[in-house]
Amino acid sequence: GQVLLHRLPAERLVGSMSRDGDRFDVIYLDPPYHEQVNGEPMVRWILESTAVALLLHHGGALVVQHDTRAALPPVAGDLVVSGEKRYGDTSITMYAHPPGN
């Protein structure tokens, strides 16, 4: 396997990678908890971008670390929540393509 680690603003990275056709089995997002875009937590803005779902292979997992107080949507593009774990103020929410898609 191969691991790629990028330290770029999410809006630049997601856009450029989806245009290039890159696809991944696992995507781990850990945006700044208190960063906001248009008055919403950055993590919600990233999930509302349809480009994130395009980066994930079918059968892959999008793993999002976030502030427990930031409720994430049950659906993000064509991805649905497949699991969630809470660790005090930190939550890990996993998204995947629904079975059969």
Protein backbone atom coordinates (compact mmCIF):
# COMPACT_ATOMS: atom_id res chain seq x y z
CA GLY A 1 0.00 0.00 0.00
CA GLN A 2 0.89 3.61 -0.30
CA VAL A 3 0.28 6.52 2.06
CA LEU A 4 0.02 10.15 0.96
CA LEU A 5 0.04 12.92 3.54
CA HIS A 6 -0.87 16.43 2.46
CA ARG A 7 -0.72 19.61 4.51
CA LEU A 8 -2.75 22.01 2.41
CA PRO A 9 -5.96 23.94 2.94
CA ALA A 10 -8.79 21.46 2.36
CA GLU A 11 -10.53 23.58 -0.25
CA ARG A 12 -7.39 23.57 -2.44
CA LEU A 13 -6.52 19.93 -1.92
CA VAL A 14 -9.99 18.44 -2.44
CA GLY A 15 -10.64 20.49 -5.55
CA SER A 16 -7.31 19.75 -7.24
CA MET A 17 -7.33 16.03 -6.40
CA SER A 18 -10.88 15.47 -7.64
CA ARG A 19 -10.04 17.25 -10.92
CA ASP A 20 -6.95 15.02 -11.31
CA GLY A 21 -9.04 11.86 -10.85
CA ASP A 22 -7.25 10.69 -7.69
CA ARG A 23 -9.10 8.01 -5.67
CA PHE A 24 -8.36 6.60 -2.21
CA ASP A 25 -9.38 3.66 -0.01
CA VAL A 26 -9.18 5.69 3.21
CA ILE A 27 -9.36 9.44 3.64
CA TYR A 28 -8.70 10.91 7.09
CA LEU A 29 -9.86 14.49 7.72
CA ASP A 30 -8.84 16.42 10.82
CA PRO A 31 -9.74 20.05 10.10
CA PRO A 32 -9.25 22.75 12.76
CA TYR A 33 -12.18 22.36 15.17
CA HIS A 34 -12.99 26.03 15.53
CA GLU A 35 -12.27 27.17 11.96
CA GLN A 36 -15.39 28.43 10.19
CA VAL A 37 -16.38 28.87 6.55
CA ASN A 38 -19.44 31.05 5.92
CA GLY A 39 -20.42 30.79 9.61
CA GLU A 40 -20.39 26.96 9.65
CA PRO A 41 -17.71 24.65 11.09
CA MET A 42 -15.10 23.91 8.41
CA VAL A 43 -15.74 20.17 8.74
CA ARG A 44 -19.36 20.64 7.58
CA TRP A 45 -18.20 22.76 4.63
CA ILE A 46 -15.77 20.01 3.57
CA LEU A 47 -18.46 17.32 3.83
CA GLU A 48 -20.94 19.39 1.82
CA SER A 49 -18.44 19.52 -1.03
CA THR A 50 -19.43 16.79 -3.46
CA ALA A 51 -15.76 16.49 -4.45
CA VAL A 52 -14.94 14.59 -1.23
CA ALA A 53 -17.19 11.67 -2.22
CA LEU A 54 -15.54 11.59 -5.65
CA LEU A 55 -12.13 10.99 -4.03
CA LEU A 56 -13.23 7.80 -2.26
CA HIS A 57 -13.13 4.36 -3.88
CA HIS A 58 -16.33 2.33 -3.47
CA GLY A 59 -15.75 0.20 -0.40
CA GLY A 60 -13.47 2.88 1.07
CA ALA A 61 -13.89 4.92 4.25
CA LEU A 62 -13.90 8.64 4.94
CA VAL A 63 -12.81 9.12 8.57
CA VAL A 64 -13.53 12.54 10.06
CA GLN A 65 -12.17 13.72 13.41
CA HIS A 66 -14.21 16.62 14.79
CA ASP A 67 -15.50 18.46 17.84
CA THR A 68 -18.29 16.39 19.41
CA ARG A 69 -20.45 19.55 19.54
CA ALA A 70 -20.27 19.91 15.73
CA ALA A 71 -23.10 17.68 14.55
CA LEU A 72 -22.25 16.19 11.19
CA PRO A 73 -24.84 15.40 8.53
CA PRO A 74 -25.97 11.77 8.13
CA VAL A 75 -25.36 12.09 4.37
CA ALA A 76 -22.43 13.81 2.64
CA GLY A 77 -22.75 13.76 -1.14
CA ASP A 78 -23.21 10.05 -1.98
CA LEU A 79 -21.68 8.99 1.35
CA VAL A 80 -23.59 7.95 4.47
CA VAL A 81 -22.48 7.66 8.10
CA SER A 82 -21.24 4.13 8.70
CA GLY A 83 -20.11 4.56 12.30
CA GLU A 84 -19.28 7.02 15.04
CA LYS A 85 -17.14 6.96 18.18
CA ARG A 86 -16.99 9.65 20.86
CA TYR A 87 -13.97 10.37 23.04
CA GLY A 88 -14.98 13.27 25.30
CA ASP A 89 -14.82 16.48 23.25
CA THR A 90 -13.55 14.61 20.16
CA SER A 91 -15.61 12.43 17.84
CA ILE A 92 -14.64 10.21 14.94
CA THR A 93 -17.35 9.83 12.30
CA MET A 94 -16.93 7.36 9.44
CA TYR A 95 -18.63 7.72 6.06
CA ALA A 96 -18.88 5.21 3.22
CA HIS A 97 -20.77 4.68 -0.01
CA PRO A 98 -24.05 2.92 0.76
CA PRO A 99 -24.15 -0.81 -0.07
CA GLY A 100 -25.10 -1.41 -3.68
CA ASN A 101 -23.88 2.01 -4.94
